[in-house]
């Protein structure tokens, strides 16, 4: 009898513990449409890189020298294409312009972005509970990382804490927050 009661108590404890430690569901964004009649308007415009998370430090090493990054996403010159321009401010104050093209491919309920010239790289878009926020999961040859972007260069600290909590729960234990101490570089118009 004692063993049955003890087993029931341990079972209930396991249920309670399991319910508290499970990762929350994280819904993917709806598929972006880029065509003659539809466009990804909610995702176009200016975005600021806020934080990143990865399983290892090496997967975030590209951001070690970064103070801040501002992006502009616009429709591309072809259907289902997005033009992305970035201005990277390094910690030593240098501005580095970047640009690339994403190709949108539709999958089952998700948006799969493929980077032109980088066939190994895949980017998935996720919603963020943070107002004005979006999360990207980049995977490529030898790396995977989650990246948090926001419409504001300085979102509420709670946004960063929730991102860290979620990514940590998904076993992305290495975390990086951009300092964002310096002035944002101007995006080039080309």
C-alpha atoms as a PDB file:
ATOM      1  CA  UNK A   1       0.000   0.000   0.000  1.00  0.00           C
ATOM      2  CA  UNK A   2       2.793   2.425   0.931  1.00  0.00           C
ATOM      3  CA  UNK A   3       4.534   1.751  -2.384  1.00  0.00           C
ATOM      4  CA  UNK A   4       1.346   2.530  -4.331  1.00  0.00           C
ATOM      5  CA  UNK A   5       0.859   5.835  -2.501  1.00  0.00           C
ATOM      6  CA  UNK A   6       4.526   6.718  -2.996  1.00  0.00           C
ATOM      7  CA  UNK A   7       4.292   5.849  -6.696  1.00  0.00           C
ATOM      8  CA  UNK A   8       1.184   8.041  -7.062  1.00  0.00           C
ATOM      9  CA  UNK A   9       2.914  10.965  -5.298  1.00  0.00           C
ATOM     10  CA  UNK A  10       5.984  10.638  -7.542  1.00  0.00           C
ATOM     11  CA  UNK A  11       3.747  10.410 -10.618  1.00  0.00           C
ATOM     12  CA  UNK A  12       1.907  13.620  -9.654  1.00  0.00           C
ATOM     13  CA  UNK A  13       5.208  15.350  -8.878  1.00  0.00           C
ATOM     14  CA  UNK A  14       6.473  14.310 -12.327  1.00  0.00           C
ATOM     15  CA  UNK A  15       3.361  15.737 -14.008  1.00  0.00           C
ATOM     16  CA  UNK A  16       3.693  19.073 -12.180  1.00  0.00           C
ATOM     17  CA  UNK A  17       7.441  19.304 -12.854  1.00  0.00           C
ATOM     18  CA  UNK A  18       6.985  18.397 -16.509  1.00  0.00           C
ATOM     19  CA  UNK A  19       4.287  21.019 -17.014  1.00  0.00           C
ATOM     20  CA  UNK A  20       6.503  23.732 -15.512  1.00  0.00           C
ATOM     21  CA  UNK A  21       9.642  22.867 -17.471  1.00  0.00           C
ATOM     22  CA  UNK A  22       8.264  22.351 -20.978  1.00  0.00           C
ATOM     23  CA  UNK A  23       9.173  24.828 -23.641  1.00  0.00           C
ATOM     24  CA  UNK A  24       6.289  27.033 -24.704  1.00  0.00           C
ATOM     25  CA  UNK A  25       4.791  26.549 -28.138  1.00  0.00           C
ATOM     26  CA  UNK A  26       6.200  29.044 -30.598  1.00  0.00           C
ATOM     27  CA  UNK A  27       4.039  29.731 -33.610  1.00  0.00           C
ATOM     28  CA  UNK A  28       5.648  30.372 -36.974  1.00  0.00           C
ATOM     29  CA  UNK A  29       4.649  33.409 -38.953  1.00  0.00           C
ATOM     30  CA  UNK A  30       2.182  32.969 -41.716  1.00  0.00           C
ATOM     31  CA  UNK A  31       3.645  32.431 -45.155  1.00  0.00           C
ATOM     32  CA  UNK A  32       4.766  35.663 -46.796  1.00  0.00           C
ATOM     33  CA  UNK A  33       3.349  36.257 -50.239  1.00  0.00           C
ATOM     34  CA  UNK A  34       5.241  38.347 -52.745  1.00  0.00           C
ATOM     35  CA  UNK A  35       3.287  38.612 -55.949  1.00  0.00           C
ATOM     36  CA  UNK A  36       1.475  41.135 -58.063  1.00  0.00           C
ATOM     37  CA  UNK A  37      -1.472  41.415 -55.678  1.00  0.00           C
ATOM     38  CA  UNK A  38       0.078  40.540 -52.335  1.00  0.00           C
ATOM     39  CA  UNK A  39       3.212  41.624 -50.502  1.00  0.00           C
ATOM     40  CA  UNK A  40       4.849  40.996 -47.125  1.00  0.00           C
ATOM     41  CA  UNK A  41       4.123  44.542 -45.923  1.00  0.00           C
ATOM     42  CA  UNK A  42       4.208  43.702 -42.193  1.00  0.00           C
ATOM     43  CA  UNK A  43       7.795  42.473 -42.554  1.00  0.00           C
ATOM     44  CA  UNK A  44       9.147  45.202 -44.810  1.00  0.00           C
ATOM     45  CA  UNK A  45      10.988  48.232 -43.511  1.00  0.00           C
ATOM     46  CA  UNK A  46      13.535  48.831 -40.795  1.00  0.00           C
ATOM     47  CA  UNK A  47      14.657  46.171 -38.284  1.00  0.00           C
ATOM     48  CA  UNK A  48      17.333  46.226 -35.579  1.00  0.00           C
ATOM     49  CA  UNK A  49      19.354  43.177 -34.561  1.00  0.00           C
ATOM     50  CA  UNK A  50      18.946  42.755 -30.812  1.00  0.00           C
ATOM     51  CA  UNK A  51      20.205  39.326 -29.714  1.00  0.00           C
ATOM     52  CA  UNK A  52      21.259  35.869 -30.837  1.00  0.00           C
ATOM     53  CA  UNK A  53      21.314  32.389 -29.351  1.00  0.00           C
ATOM     54  CA  UNK A  54      23.082  29.225 -30.477  1.00  0.00           C
ATOM     55  CA  UNK A  55      24.196  25.847 -29.144  1.00  0.00           C
ATOM     56  CA  UNK A  56      27.880  26.915 -29.273  1.00  0.00           C
ATOM     57  CA  UNK A  57      29.855  30.155 -29.067  1.00  0.00           C
ATOM     58  CA  UNK A  58      31.344  29.566 -32.537  1.00  0.00           C
ATOM     59  CA  UNK A  59      27.898  29.826 -34.127  1.00  0.00           C
ATOM     60  CA  UNK A  60      27.580  33.427 -32.861  1.00  0.00           C
ATOM     61  CA  UNK A  61      31.233  34.443 -33.389  1.00  0.00           C
ATOM     62  CA  UNK A  62      30.335  36.540 -36.447  1.00  0.00           C
ATOM     63  CA  UNK A  63      28.556  38.967 -34.076  1.00  0.00           C
ATOM     64  CA  UNK A  64      31.377  39.308 -31.492  1.00  0.00           C
ATOM     65  CA  UNK A  65      32.691  42.557 -33.004  1.00  0.00           C
ATOM     66  CA  UNK A  66      29.216  44.075 -33.587  1.00  0.00           C
ATOM     67  CA  UNK A  67      27.824  47.025 -31.638  1.00  0.00           C
ATOM     68  CA  UNK A  68      24.596  47.295 -33.648  1.00  0.00           C
ATOM     69  CA  UNK A  69      23.044  46.357 -36.971  1.00  0.00           C
ATOM     70  CA  UNK A  70      20.168  48.030 -38.763  1.00  0.00           C
ATOM     71  CA  UNK A  71      18.400  46.292 -41.648  1.00  0.00           C
ATOM     72  CA  UNK A  72      15.974  47.367 -44.317  1.00  0.00           C
ATOM     73  CA  UNK A  73      13.814  44.736 -45.975  1.00  0.00           C
ATOM     74  CA  UNK A  74      12.149  45.610 -49.285  1.00  0.00           C
ATOM     75  CA  UNK A  75      10.473  43.709 -52.074  1.00  0.00           C
ATOM     76  CA  UNK A  76      12.931  42.478 -54.675  1.00  0.00           C
ATOM     77  CA  UNK A  77      12.942  42.972 -58.409  1.00  0.00           C
ATOM     78  CA  UNK A  78      11.296  39.583 -59.000  1.00  0.00           C
ATOM     79  CA  UNK A  79       8.232  37.920 -57.468  1.00  0.00           C
ATOM     80  CA  UNK A  80       8.869  36.062 -54.180  1.00  0.00           C
ATOM     81  CA  UNK A  81      12.131  37.925 -53.674  1.00  0.00           C
ATOM     82  CA  UNK A  82      13.180  40.180 -50.791  1.00  0.00           C
ATOM     83  CA  UNK A  83      16.062  42.649 -50.925  1.00  0.00           C
ATOM     84  CA  UNK A  84      17.848  43.041 -47.589  1.00  0.00           C
ATOM     85  CA  UNK A  85      20.307  45.847 -46.884  1.00  0.00           C
ATOM     86  CA  UNK A  86      22.216  46.148 -43.625  1.00  0.00           C
ATOM     87  CA  UNK A  87      24.545  48.614 -41.959  1.00  0.00           C
ATOM     88  CA  UNK A  88      26.791  47.006 -39.356  1.00  0.00           C
ATOM     89  CA  UNK A  89      28.395  49.241 -36.718  1.00  0.00           C
ATOM     90  CA  UNK A  90      31.416  47.434 -35.282  1.00  0.00           C
ATOM     91  CA  UNK A  91      32.571  47.969 -31.700  1.00  0.00           C
ATOM     92  CA  UNK A  92      35.513  50.012 -33.024  1.00  0.00           C
ATOM     93  CA  UNK A  93      33.082  52.410 -34.768  1.00  0.00           C
ATOM     94  CA  UNK A  94      33.430  51.309 -38.389  1.00  0.00           C
ATOM     95  CA  UNK A  95      30.285  51.052 -40.551  1.00  0.00           C
ATOM     96  CA  UNK A  96      30.132  48.050 -42.849  1.00  0.00           C
ATOM     97  CA  UNK A  97      27.381  47.912 -45.499  1.00  0.00           C
ATOM     98  CA  UNK A  98      25.919  44.536 -46.463  1.00  0.00           C
ATOM     99  CA  UNK A  99      23.223  43.409 -48.857  1.00  0.00           C
ATOM    100  CA  UNK A 100      21.719  40.142 -49.987  1.00  0.00           C
ATOM    101  CA  UNK A 101      18.625  38.671 -51.551  1.00  0.00           C
ATOM    102  CA  UNK A 102      16.199  36.229 -49.986  1.00  0.00           C
ATOM    103  CA  UNK A 103      14.078  33.947 -52.124  1.00  0.00           C
ATOM    104  CA  UNK A 104      10.777  32.920 -50.551  1.00  0.00           C
ATOM    105  CA  UNK A 105       9.730  29.302 -50.878  1.00  0.00           C
ATOM    106  CA  UNK A 106       6.465  28.073 -49.503  1.00  0.00           C
ATOM    107  CA  UNK A 107       6.263  24.994 -47.353  1.00  0.00           C
ATOM    108  CA  UNK A 108       3.627  23.414 -45.191  1.00  0.00           C
ATOM    109  CA  UNK A 109       2.560  26.315 -42.993  1.00  0.00           C
ATOM    110  CA  UNK A 110       5.955  27.971 -42.829  1.00  0.00           C
ATOM    111  CA  UNK A 111       8.059  30.519 -44.609  1.00  0.00           C
ATOM    112  CA  UNK A 112      11.388  29.282 -45.823  1.00  0.00           C
ATOM    113  CA  UNK A 113      13.839  31.962 -46.946  1.00  0.00           C
ATOM    114  CA  UNK A 114      16.796  30.929 -49.069  1.00  0.00           C
ATOM    115  CA  UNK A 115      19.758  33.276 -49.396  1.00  0.00           C
ATOM    116  CA  UNK A 116      20.962  33.892 -52.933  1.00  0.00           C
ATOM    117  CA  UNK A 117      24.481  32.563 -53.415  1.00  0.00           C
ATOM    118  CA  UNK A 118      24.343  30.487 -50.218  1.00  0.00           C
ATOM    119  CA  UNK A 119      22.529  27.233 -51.036  1.00  0.00           C
ATOM    120  CA  UNK A 120      23.408  25.736 -47.646  1.00  0.00           C
ATOM    121  CA  UNK A 121      21.692  28.551 -45.722  1.00  0.00           C
ATOM    122  CA  UNK A 122      18.047  28.367 -44.693  1.00  0.00           C
ATOM    123  CA  UNK A 123      16.155  30.988 -42.683  1.00  0.00           C
ATOM    124  CA  UNK A 124      12.803  30.406 -40.986  1.00  0.00           C
ATOM    125  CA  UNK A 125      10.659  33.249 -39.637  1.00  0.00           C
ATOM    126  CA  UNK A 126       8.916  33.042 -36.268  1.00  0.00           C
ATOM    127  CA  UNK A 127       6.633  35.403 -34.422  1.00  0.00           C
ATOM    128  CA  UNK A 128       7.788  37.031 -31.214  1.00  0.00           C
ATOM    129  CA  UNK A 129       5.693  37.816 -28.163  1.00  0.00           C
ATOM    130  CA  UNK A 130       7.534  41.130 -28.037  1.00  0.00           C
ATOM    131  CA  UNK A 131       5.699  44.046 -29.694  1.00  0.00           C
ATOM    132  CA  UNK A 132       7.450  44.908 -32.960  1.00  0.00           C
ATOM    133  CA  UNK A 133       9.587  41.780 -32.749  1.00  0.00           C
ATOM    134  CA  UNK A 134      10.427  38.894 -35.032  1.00  0.00           C
ATOM    135  CA  UNK A 135      12.681  35.857 -34.639  1.00  0.00           C
ATOM    136  CA  UNK A 136      14.717  34.150 -37.335  1.00  0.00           C
ATOM    137  CA  UNK A 137      16.262  30.721 -37.181  1.00  0.00           C
ATOM    138  CA  UNK A 138      19.259  30.434 -39.461  1.00  0.00           C
ATOM    139  CA  UNK A 139      20.705  27.063 -40.315  1.00  0.00           C
ATOM    140  CA  UNK A 140      23.620  26.375 -42.557  1.00  0.00           C
ATOM    141  CA  UNK A 141      26.577  24.113 -42.966  1.00  0.00           C
ATOM    142  CA  UNK A 142      27.905  23.659 -39.434  1.00  0.00           C
ATOM    143  CA  UNK A 143      25.740  26.202 -37.633  1.00  0.00           C
ATOM    144  CA  UNK A 144      22.282  27.019 -36.377  1.00  0.00           C
ATOM    145  CA  UNK A 145      21.169  30.081 -34.447  1.00  0.00           C
ATOM    146  CA  UNK A 146      18.126  32.078 -33.434  1.00  0.00           C
ATOM    147  CA  UNK A 147      18.217  35.839 -33.985  1.00  0.00           C
ATOM    148  CA  UNK A 148      15.918  38.434 -32.406  1.00  0.00           C
ATOM    149  CA  UNK A 149      15.017  41.584 -34.341  1.00  0.00           C
ATOM    150  CA  UNK A 150      12.811  44.484 -33.387  1.00  0.00           C
ATOM    151  CA  UNK A 151      11.410  47.638 -34.958  1.00  0.00           C
ATOM    152  CA  UNK A 152      12.952  49.573 -32.067  1.00  0.00           C
ATOM    153  CA  UNK A 153      16.717  49.622 -31.443  1.00  0.00           C
ATOM    154  CA  UNK A 154      15.965  49.383 -27.718  1.00  0.00           C
ATOM    155  CA  UNK A 155      12.989  47.088 -27.062  1.00  0.00           C
ATOM    156  CA  UNK A 156      11.835  46.417 -23.480  1.00  0.00           C
ATOM    157  CA  UNK A 157      14.266  44.246 -21.506  1.00  0.00           C
ATOM    158  CA  UNK A 158      11.442  41.759 -21.022  1.00  0.00           C
ATOM    159  CA  UNK A 159      11.626  40.980 -24.766  1.00  0.00           C
ATOM    160  CA  UNK A 160      15.282  39.978 -24.510  1.00  0.00           C
ATOM    161  CA  UNK A 161      14.606  37.935 -21.353  1.00  0.00           C
ATOM    162  CA  UNK A 162      11.740  36.051 -23.044  1.00  0.00           C
ATOM    163  CA  UNK A 163      13.923  35.372 -26.103  1.00  0.00           C
ATOM    164  CA  UNK A 164      16.713  34.030 -23.900  1.00  0.00           C
ATOM    165  CA  UNK A 165      14.291  31.894 -21.917  1.00  0.00           C
ATOM    166  CA  UNK A 166      12.735  30.404 -25.043  1.00  0.00           C
ATOM    167  CA  UNK A 167      16.010  29.710 -26.841  1.00  0.00           C
ATOM    168  CA  UNK A 168      17.594  28.271 -23.705  1.00  0.00           C
ATOM    169  CA  UNK A 169      14.624  25.943 -23.384  1.00  0.00           C
ATOM    170  CA  UNK A 170      15.306  24.814 -26.960  1.00  0.00           C
ATOM    171  CA  UNK A 171      18.932  24.018 -25.983  1.00  0.00           C
ATOM    172  CA  UNK A 172      20.458  27.145 -27.502  1.00  0.00           C
ATOM    173  CA  UNK A 173      22.476  27.913 -24.355  1.00  0.00           C
ATOM    174  CA  UNK A 174      24.985  30.462 -25.725  1.00  0.00           C
ATOM    175  CA  UNK A 175      23.461  33.931 -25.719  1.00  0.00           C
ATOM    176  CA  UNK A 176      24.612  37.267 -27.145  1.00  0.00           C
ATOM    177  CA  UNK A 177      23.018  40.716 -26.852  1.00  0.00           C
ATOM    178  CA  UNK A 178      24.329  43.493 -29.071  1.00  0.00           C
ATOM    179  CA  UNK A 179      25.507  46.466 -26.957  1.00  0.00           C
ATOM    180  CA  UNK A 180      23.794  49.110 -29.156  1.00  0.00           C
ATOM    181  CA  UNK A 181      25.850  51.854 -27.479  1.00  0.00           C
ATOM    182  CA  UNK A 182      26.961  53.663 -30.637  1.00  0.00           C
ATOM    183  CA  UNK A 183      25.000  55.602 -33.214  1.00  0.00           C
ATOM    184  CA  UNK A 184      23.348  53.469 -35.875  1.00  0.00           C
ATOM    185  CA  UNK A 185      25.031  53.617 -39.296  1.00  0.00           C
ATOM    186  CA  UNK A 186      23.102  55.025 -42.237  1.00  0.00           C
ATOM    187  CA  UNK A 187      21.776  52.430 -44.658  1.00  0.00           C
ATOM    188  CA  UNK A 188      23.064  52.862 -48.201  1.00  0.00           C
ATOM    189  CA  UNK A 189      20.401  53.457 -50.816  1.00  0.00           C
ATOM    190  CA  UNK A 190      21.964  50.997 -53.279  1.00  0.00           C
END
